[in-house]
Amino acid sequence: MNEFIEQYWSFYNAGVTVFLFAGLALVVKLLFFKRKRHKKEPHLAFKHWNHRFENDFGRLEKELHVKPFLPKEATKMLMKARKKEDKEEKRKDKEKSAETITTIREKLKGGLKTEEVLKQHSNCVYVLTFIGSIMASEVEQLRDQISFLLQVAQPADEIVVRLTSPGGAVPQYGLASSQLERLKQAGLRCVVCVDTVAASGGYMMAAVADKIIAAPFAIIGSIGVVAGIPNFHRVLQKNEVDYHLFTAGKYKRTVTPFSEVTDEGKQKMQDDIVAIHEAFKRLIKDGRPDVDIEKIATGEYWLASQAKEKGLVDEIMTSDDYLCSKLDDCEVIEIKTEFEQNRLEKLIEGGVSLFRQWTSSRIPGVGEELDDVRQRYQ
């Protein structure tokens, strides 16, 4: 009995139990304590990367002054030199501002409209984050964010999408890639950064971008299509159970779980899969015309370092390094969609998020075949 209790109250089982109780509490609340209230719509939230560490820098500097590791004389010399450097930097910024003002004044005098002037002088980098599930339900947030950007972003601006997805349903990821295509059609530069995985439908999205940047060990590729369905026809036959399926249209249903699978039905299903694969390959070829599409559209996946050799990735770098390289010259603004939630809802959402991360990142077990691992990225 003691051994059973010790095994049950492992980290994983304890966590599942906590979330089950939290879910039960939410159901009880909805059934017995439901209150009428106006449901708030999700809204966009903004985070300015250029200033996100300023308070931390200030606190660190104060802490260093409490216990200085340099002699006081050396500290004074450094502070004096820093003031001089700051003064020089301010002077340069002032000169640069004066040049910009002069340039804008001349353009306005030349008859250029204010909107056109703003387009030429905007220097924003907008950051979006897309962490896709199998059904790509996150595309609803992405489409709102992109619709917003199409109204505020200028042609000189850049949209960076931090993308994480092992792929999933074809229609949903087709819609997600179409959302990124909207940016290109509007004349906005789109860069996709992959830190962990962009496979199958995830890479379908990435291929639309003007540039793909990936961390060295990110999983890239899996350009293929897979479909599978169990069939219980023989089980039903054995137990003398009839299944009646009524359709209008020769190919309305080709392979189903309960009907007998015919050679013609299997061939039609295979033809449909091939057609989707061909469309997938055309999308990749349109976005990256230099790749040898027949060599890379085999369903295989590679580390980013290998994918770069095959033309699937442009640069090896983490998204953090890329965005930090933009801080000196651009305003980097992260956009997220936020939902109003109470504490219990936040707890449930956090539990679901942790469970998704665990299931999507589990390590292959001992004896697991390589083909089983590949299925995760299809």
Protein backbone atom coordinates (compact mmCIF):
# COMPACT_ATOMS: atom_id res chain seq x y z
CA MET A 1 0.00 0.00 0.00
CA ASN A 2 2.79 2.40 0.90
CA GLU A 3 4.58 1.62 -2.35
CA PHE A 4 1.41 2.42 -4.31
CA ILE A 5 1.03 5.79 -2.54
CA GLU A 6 4.66 6.68 -3.19
CA GLN A 7 4.33 5.86 -6.90
CA TYR A 8 1.04 7.69 -7.23
CA TRP A 9 2.25 10.89 -5.62
CA SER A 10 4.98 11.35 -8.13
CA PHE A 11 5.43 14.78 -9.63
CA TYR A 12 3.40 13.94 -12.73
CA ASN A 13 0.46 12.21 -11.04
CA ALA A 14 0.26 14.84 -8.33
CA GLY A 15 0.17 17.55 -10.99
CA VAL A 16 -2.59 15.79 -12.92
CA THR A 17 -4.62 15.39 -9.71
CA VAL A 18 -4.27 19.09 -8.87
CA PHE A 19 -5.49 20.10 -12.31
CA LEU A 20 -8.39 17.63 -12.13
CA PHE A 21 -9.51 19.19 -8.86
CA ALA A 22 -9.09 22.66 -10.37
CA GLY A 23 -11.22 21.62 -13.35
CA LEU A 24 -13.89 20.19 -11.03
CA ALA A 25 -13.89 23.43 -9.05
CA LEU A 26 -14.40 25.38 -12.28
CA VAL A 27 -17.36 23.18 -13.26
CA VAL A 28 -18.93 23.65 -9.82
CA LYS A 29 -18.47 27.38 -10.07
CA LEU A 30 -20.08 27.52 -13.52
CA LEU A 31 -23.03 25.37 -12.44
CA PHE A 32 -23.82 26.79 -9.01
CA PHE A 33 -22.19 30.21 -8.78
CA LYS A 34 -22.75 31.55 -12.26
CA ARG A 35 -23.09 35.32 -12.31
CA LYS A 36 -24.21 37.43 -15.20
CA ARG A 37 -21.41 39.65 -16.35
CA HIS A 38 -20.30 41.28 -19.52
CA LYS A 39 -17.70 39.16 -21.26
CA LYS A 40 -14.68 41.25 -22.10
CA GLU A 41 -13.23 40.96 -25.56
CA PRO A 42 -9.56 39.97 -25.95
CA HIS A 43 -7.28 42.93 -26.45
CA LEU A 44 -3.78 43.55 -27.73
CA ALA A 45 -0.96 44.24 -25.30
CA PHE A 46 2.39 45.82 -26.17
CA LYS A 47 5.87 45.35 -24.74
CA HIS A 48 8.71 47.71 -25.60
CA TRP A 49 11.92 45.69 -25.85
CA ASN A 50 14.22 48.73 -25.94
CA HIS A 51 13.44 49.65 -22.34
CA ARG A 52 12.69 46.29 -20.76
CA PHE A 53 15.97 46.06 -18.77
CA GLU A 54 16.32 49.72 -17.75
CA ASN A 55 15.01 49.22 -14.20
CA ASP A 56 17.18 46.11 -13.80
CA PHE A 57 20.27 48.02 -14.93
CA GLY A 58 19.50 50.74 -12.38
CA ARG A 59 19.10 48.24 -9.53
CA LEU A 60 22.30 46.44 -10.53
CA GLU A 61 24.22 49.69 -10.55
CA LYS A 62 22.96 50.57 -7.07
CA GLU A 63 23.91 47.12 -5.83
CA LEU A 64 27.43 47.46 -7.23
CA HIS A 65 27.85 50.78 -5.47
CA VAL A 66 26.96 49.14 -2.14
CA LYS A 67 29.98 46.84 -2.34
CA PRO A 68 32.34 48.29 -4.94
CA PHE A 69 34.91 45.83 -6.31
CA LEU A 70 37.22 48.61 -7.53
CA PRO A 71 39.18 51.25 -5.55
CA LYS A 72 37.25 54.48 -5.03
CA GLU A 73 39.72 56.42 -7.16
CA ALA A 74 39.24 54.03 -10.07
CA THR A 75 35.46 54.23 -9.68
CA LYS A 76 35.59 58.03 -9.82
CA MET A 77 37.72 57.92 -12.96
CA LEU A 78 35.28 55.56 -14.65
CA MET A 79 32.28 57.65 -13.67
CA LYS A 80 33.97 60.77 -15.04
CA ALA A 81 34.79 58.97 -18.31
CA ARG A 82 31.23 57.70 -18.58
CA LYS A 83 29.79 61.18 -18.17
CA LYS A 84 32.05 62.37 -20.94
CA GLU A 85 30.94 59.50 -23.18
CA ASP A 86 27.28 60.17 -22.41
CA LYS A 87 27.73 63.82 -23.24
CA GLU A 88 29.33 62.94 -26.59
CA GLU A 89 26.56 60.46 -27.36
CA LYS A 90 23.89 63.07 -26.61
CA ARG A 91 25.66 65.52 -28.90
CA LYS A 92 25.65 62.99 -31.74
CA ASP A 93 21.98 62.19 -31.15
CA LYS A 94 21.19 65.90 -31.25
CA GLU A 95 23.03 66.30 -34.56
CA LYS A 96 21.23 63.29 -35.99
CA SER A 97 17.88 64.68 -34.87
CA ALA A 98 18.67 68.04 -36.46
CA GLU A 99 19.54 66.31 -39.76
CA THR A 100 16.28 64.35 -39.66
CA ILE A 101 14.28 67.52 -38.99
CA THR A 102 15.99 69.31 -41.89
CA THR A 103 15.33 66.37 -44.22
CA ILE A 104 11.64 66.19 -43.26
CA ARG A 105 11.23 69.97 -43.63
CA GLU A 106 12.67 69.82 -47.15
CA LYS A 107 10.39 66.92 -48.11
CA LEU A 108 7.31 68.73 -46.83
CA LYS A 109 8.29 71.87 -48.70
CA GLY A 110 8.72 69.75 -51.82
CA GLY A 111 5.05 68.80 -51.60
CA LEU A 112 5.41 65.29 -50.09
CA LYS A 113 2.46 64.31 -47.92
CA THR A 114 2.95 63.63 -44.22
CA GLU A 115 1.88 60.02 -44.66
CA GLU A 116 4.62 59.42 -47.23
CA VAL A 117 7.20 61.10 -44.99
CA LEU A 118 6.25 58.83 -42.10
CA LYS A 119 6.59 55.77 -44.32
CA GLN A 120 10.20 56.70 -45.13
CA HIS A 121 11.25 57.42 -41.55
CA SER A 122 9.53 54.68 -39.59
CA ASN A 123 11.91 52.21 -37.96
CA CYS A 124 9.74 49.79 -35.98
CA VAL A 125 10.15 46.05 -35.59
CA TYR A 126 6.92 44.37 -34.51
CA VAL A 127 7.26 40.98 -32.82
CA LEU A 128 4.53 38.32 -32.93
CA THR A 129 4.63 34.92 -31.25
CA PHE A 130 2.91 31.88 -32.73
CA ILE A 131 2.99 28.58 -30.80
CA GLY A 132 0.86 26.27 -32.91
CA SER A 133 -1.14 23.26 -31.78
CA ILE A 134 -2.31 20.41 -34.01
CA MET A 135 -5.46 22.28 -35.03
CA ALA A 136 -3.68 25.66 -35.15
CA SER A 137 -6.42 27.33 -33.10
CA GLU A 138 -3.91 30.10 -32.35
CA VAL A 139 -4.48 31.41 -35.88
CA GLU A 140 -7.46 33.37 -34.52
CA GLN A 141 -5.11 35.53 -32.48
CA LEU A 142 -2.62 35.77 -35.34
CA ARG A 143 -5.20 37.04 -37.82
CA ASP A 144 -6.27 39.84 -35.43
CA GLN A 145 -2.67 40.86 -34.78
CA ILE A 146 -1.90 40.96 -38.50
CA SER A 147 -5.09 42.89 -39.28
CA PHE A 148 -3.98 45.46 -36.70
CA LEU A 149 -0.46 45.68 -38.14
CA LEU A 150 -1.76 46.20 -41.65
CA GLN A 151 -3.32 49.42 -40.38
CA VAL A 152 -0.38 50.79 -38.39
CA ALA A 153 2.86 49.37 -39.84
CA GLN A 154 4.78 51.34 -42.46
CA PRO A 155 6.63 49.87 -45.48
CA ALA A 156 9.98 50.52 -43.79
CA ASP A 157 8.93 48.47 -40.75
CA GLU A 158 9.61 44.79 -40.19
CA ILE A 159 7.40 42.04 -38.78
CA VAL A 160 9.18 39.28 -36.87
CA VAL A 161 7.23 36.10 -36.11
CA ARG A 162 8.66 33.83 -33.42
CA LEU A 163 7.28 30.54 -34.71
CA THR A 164 7.01 27.21 -32.90
CA SER A 165 4.98 24.40 -34.43
CA PRO A 166 5.37 20.69 -35.30
CA GLY A 167 2.53 21.03 -37.80
CA GLY A 168 -1.00 19.70 -37.86
CA ALA A 169 -4.23 19.94 -39.85
CA VAL A 170 -3.83 21.04 -43.46
CA PRO A 171 -6.68 23.61 -43.74
CA GLN A 172 -5.79 25.31 -40.47
CA TYR A 173 -2.09 25.67 -41.27
CA GLY A 174 -2.95 26.71 -44.80
CA LEU A 175 -4.95 29.56 -43.28
CA ALA A 176 -2.08 30.41 -40.93
CA SER A 177 0.40 30.65 -43.81
CA SER A 178 -2.12 32.80 -45.71
CA GLN A 179 -2.14 35.23 -42.78
CA LEU A 180 1.62 35.74 -43.16
CA GLU A 181 1.13 36.10 -46.89
CA ARG A 182 -1.10 39.11 -46.14
CA LEU A 183 1.95 40.92 -44.78
CA LYS A 184 3.92 40.37 -47.98
CA GLN A 185 1.00 41.45 -50.13
CA ALA A 186 0.87 44.69 -48.16
CA GLY A 187 4.56 45.32 -48.88
CA LEU A 188 5.74 44.59 -45.33
CA ARG A 189 8.94 42.64 -44.70
CA CYS A 190 8.32 39.43 -42.74
CA VAL A 191 11.02 37.48 -40.89
CA VAL A 192 10.31 34.14 -39.19
CA CYS A 193 12.49 33.05 -36.26
CA VAL A 194 12.44 29.38 -35.23
CA ASP A 195 13.97 28.51 -31.86
CA THR A 196 12.77 24.91 -31.46
CA VAL A 197 10.63 23.46 -34.28
CA ALA A 198 8.96 24.48 -37.55
CA ALA A 199 7.96 21.24 -39.22
CA SER A 200 5.27 20.29 -41.72
CA GLY A 201 2.54 22.94 -41.33
CA GLY A 202 4.94 24.97 -39.20
CA TYR A 203 7.40 25.13 -42.08
CA MET A 204 4.52 25.86 -44.45
CA MET A 205 4.08 29.09 -42.49
CA ALA A 206 7.81 29.84 -42.34
CA ALA A 207 8.31 29.39 -46.09
CA VAL A 208 6.06 32.38 -46.79
CA ALA A 209 8.45 34.77 -44.99
CA ASP A 210 11.11 36.89 -46.68
CA LYS A 211 13.74 35.41 -44.37
CA ILE A 212 13.96 32.38 -42.07
CA ILE A 213 16.26 32.43 -39.06
CA ALA A 214 16.63 29.32 -36.89
CA ALA A 215 18.53 28.31 -33.77
CA PRO A 216 21.23 25.67 -34.40
CA PHE A 217 19.28 22.73 -32.98
CA ALA A 218 15.82 23.70 -34.20
CA ILE A 219 13.89 21.03 -36.12
CA ILE A 220 13.14 22.12 -39.69
CA GLY A 221 11.37 20.42 -42.59
CA SER A 222 8.98 17.44 -42.62
CA ILE A 223 7.56 18.63 -45.95
CA GLY A 224 5.06 15.87 -46.42
CA VAL A 225 1.45 14.87 -45.77
CA VAL A 226 0.17 12.01 -43.65
CA ALA A 227 -3.31 10.58 -43.01
CA GLY A 228 -4.38 7.49 -41.12
CA ILE A 229 -7.67 5.99 -40.02
CA PRO A 230 -8.46 2.74 -38.18
CA ASN A 231 -10.95 0.40 -39.80
CA PHE A 232 -13.27 -1.87 -37.78
CA HIS A 233 -15.12 -3.47 -40.67
CA ARG A 234 -13.86 -6.98 -39.95
CA VAL A 235 -14.66 -6.60 -36.26
CA LEU A 236 -18.23 -5.65 -37.13
CA GLN A 237 -18.48 -8.58 -39.54
CA LYS A 238 -17.23 -10.99 -36.91
CA ASN A 239 -19.85 -9.78 -34.47
CA GLU A 240 -22.58 -9.71 -37.15
CA VAL A 241 -23.05 -5.94 -36.91
CA ASP A 242 -24.13 -4.10 -40.04
CA TYR A 243 -23.05 -0.55 -40.77
CA HIS A 244 -25.08 1.42 -43.33
CA LEU A 245 -23.52 4.48 -44.95
CA PHE A 246 -25.59 6.65 -47.30
CA THR A 247 -23.86 9.10 -49.64
CA ALA A 248 -24.60 11.10 -52.77
CA GLY A 249 -21.54 11.49 -54.92
CA LYS A 250 -19.12 8.79 -55.98
CA TYR A 251 -16.27 9.92 -53.74
CA LYS A 252 -18.20 11.51 -50.87
CA ARG A 253 -16.69 8.89 -48.58
CA THR A 254 -13.74 6.78 -49.66
CA VAL A 255 -12.18 5.38 -46.46
CA THR A 256 -14.21 5.30 -43.25
CA PRO A 257 -13.73 3.55 -39.89
CA PHE A 258 -16.66 1.12 -40.35
CA SER A 259 -17.16 0.53 -44.07
CA GLU A 260 -15.22 -2.01 -46.13
CA VAL A 261 -12.20 -0.34 -47.72
CA THR A 262 -12.01 -0.88 -51.45
CA ASP A 263 -8.97 -0.58 -53.70
CA GLU A 264 -10.69 2.28 -55.51
CA GLY A 265 -11.35 4.06 -52.23
CA LYS A 266 -7.72 3.65 -51.10
CA GLN A 267 -6.46 4.94 -54.44
CA LYS A 268 -8.71 8.01 -54.22
CA MET A 269 -7.47 8.73 -50.70
CA GLN A 270 -3.87 8.38 -51.90
CA ASP A 271 -4.56 10.71 -54.84
CA ASP A 272 -5.98 13.32 -52.47
CA ILE A 273 -2.90 13.09 -50.24
CA VAL A 274 -0.59 13.46 -53.26
CA ALA A 275 -2.56 16.51 -54.45
CA ILE A 276 -2.15 18.19 -51.07
CA HIS A 277 1.57 17.35 -51.11
CA GLU A 278 1.96 18.91 -54.55
CA ALA A 279 0.26 22.10 -53.35
CA PHE A 280 2.57 22.11 -50.33
CA LYS A 281 5.61 21.80 -52.62
CA ARG A 282 4.39 24.66 -54.85
CA LEU A 283 4.04 26.89 -51.80
CA ILE A 284 7.61 26.06 -50.71
CA LYS A 285 8.94 26.61 -54.23
CA ASP A 286 7.19 29.99 -54.51
CA GLY A 287 8.71 31.16 -51.24
CA ARG A 288 12.15 29.61 -51.75
CA PRO A 289 12.74 29.16 -55.49
CA ASP A 290 16.38 28.08 -55.09
CA VAL A 291 15.68 24.85 -53.19
CA ASP A 292 15.67 21.46 -54.88
CA ILE A 293 12.06 20.74 -53.99
CA GLU A 294 12.13 17.03 -54.90
CA LYS A 295 15.08 16.39 -52.59
CA ILE A 296 13.66 18.21 -49.57
CA ALA A 297 9.94 17.34 -49.92
CA THR A 298 10.40 13.76 -48.70
CA GLY A 299 8.86 14.15 -45.25
CA GLU A 300 12.31 14.20 -43.62
CA TYR A 301 13.31 16.78 -41.05
CA TRP A 302 16.74 18.19 -40.19
CA LEU A 303 18.54 20.29 -37.64
CA ALA A 304 18.69 23.94 -38.67
CA SER A 305 22.41 23.69 -39.42
CA GLN A 306 21.67 20.94 -41.97
CA ALA A 307 18.54 22.70 -43.23
CA LYS A 308 20.63 25.79 -44.05
CA GLU A 309 22.79 23.70 -46.39
CA LYS A 310 19.64 22.60 -48.20
CA GLY A 311 18.34 26.15 -48.54
CA LEU A 312 15.48 25.80 -46.06
CA VAL A 313 16.98 28.35 -43.64
CA ASP A 314 18.79 31.63 -44.33
CA GLU A 315 20.66 32.22 -41.10
CA ILE A 316 21.58 30.33 -37.93
CA MET A 317 20.74 32.45 -34.90
CA THR A 318 18.31 32.51 -31.98
CA SER A 319 15.39 34.90 -32.09
CA ASP A 320 16.82 36.71 -29.03
CA ASP A 321 20.09 37.45 -30.79
CA TYR A 322 18.29 38.68 -33.90
CA LEU A 323 15.95 40.99 -31.99
CA CYS A 324 18.71 42.32 -29.73
CA SER A 325 20.72 43.22 -32.85
CA LYS A 326 17.83 45.52 -33.83
CA LEU A 327 17.63 47.43 -30.56
CA ASP A 328 20.22 50.11 -31.39
CA ASP A 329 18.60 51.17 -34.66
CA CYS A 330 14.91 50.27 -34.29
CA GLU A 331 12.00 50.40 -31.91
CA VAL A 332 11.27 46.75 -31.10
CA ILE A 333 7.67 46.25 -29.97
CA GLU A 334 6.18 42.88 -29.03
CA ILE A 335 2.45 42.37 -29.60
CA LYS A 336 0.39 39.80 -27.70
CA THR A 337 -3.29 39.03 -27.35
CA GLU A 338 -4.51 39.02 -23.76
CA PHE A 339 -7.73 37.60 -22.34
CA GLU A 340 -9.43 38.70 -19.15
CA GLN A 341 -9.41 35.75 -16.73
CA ASN A 342 -10.08 35.24 -13.05
CA ARG A 343 -7.59 33.41 -10.84
CA LEU A 344 -9.16 29.98 -11.27
CA GLU A 345 -9.26 30.33 -15.04
CA LYS A 346 -5.61 31.38 -15.05
CA LEU A 347 -4.74 28.29 -12.98
CA ILE A 348 -6.56 25.99 -15.40
CA GLU A 349 -4.99 27.68 -18.42
CA GLY A 350 -1.53 27.36 -16.87
CA GLY A 351 -2.10 23.66 -16.25
CA VAL A 352 -3.25 23.05 -19.81
CA SER A 353 -0.23 24.95 -21.14
CA LEU A 354 2.19 22.90 -19.03
CA PHE A 355 0.53 19.65 -20.14
CA ARG A 356 0.80 20.67 -23.81
CA GLN A 357 4.47 21.51 -23.39
CA TRP A 358 5.13 18.17 -21.72
CA THR A 359 3.33 16.13 -24.40
CA SER A 360 4.93 18.01 -27.30
CA SER A 361 8.48 17.82 -25.96
CA ARG A 362 8.72 14.34 -24.43
CA ILE A 363 11.87 12.43 -25.22
CA PRO A 364 11.51 9.21 -27.28
CA GLY A 365 11.43 6.19 -25.01
CA VAL A 366 13.73 3.22 -25.06
CA GLY A 367 12.87 0.95 -27.98
CA GLU A 368 10.81 3.57 -29.78
CA GLU A 369 11.29 3.36 -33.51
CA LEU A 370 12.60 6.30 -35.52
CA ASP A 371 9.39 6.27 -37.60
CA ASP A 372 7.40 6.86 -34.41
CA VAL A 373 9.50 9.91 -33.67
CA ARG A 374 8.96 11.24 -37.17
CA GLN A 375 5.21 11.06 -36.75
CA ARG A 376 5.42 13.87 -34.20
CA TYR A 377 6.68 16.28 -36.79
CA GLN A 378 4.14 15.42 -39.48
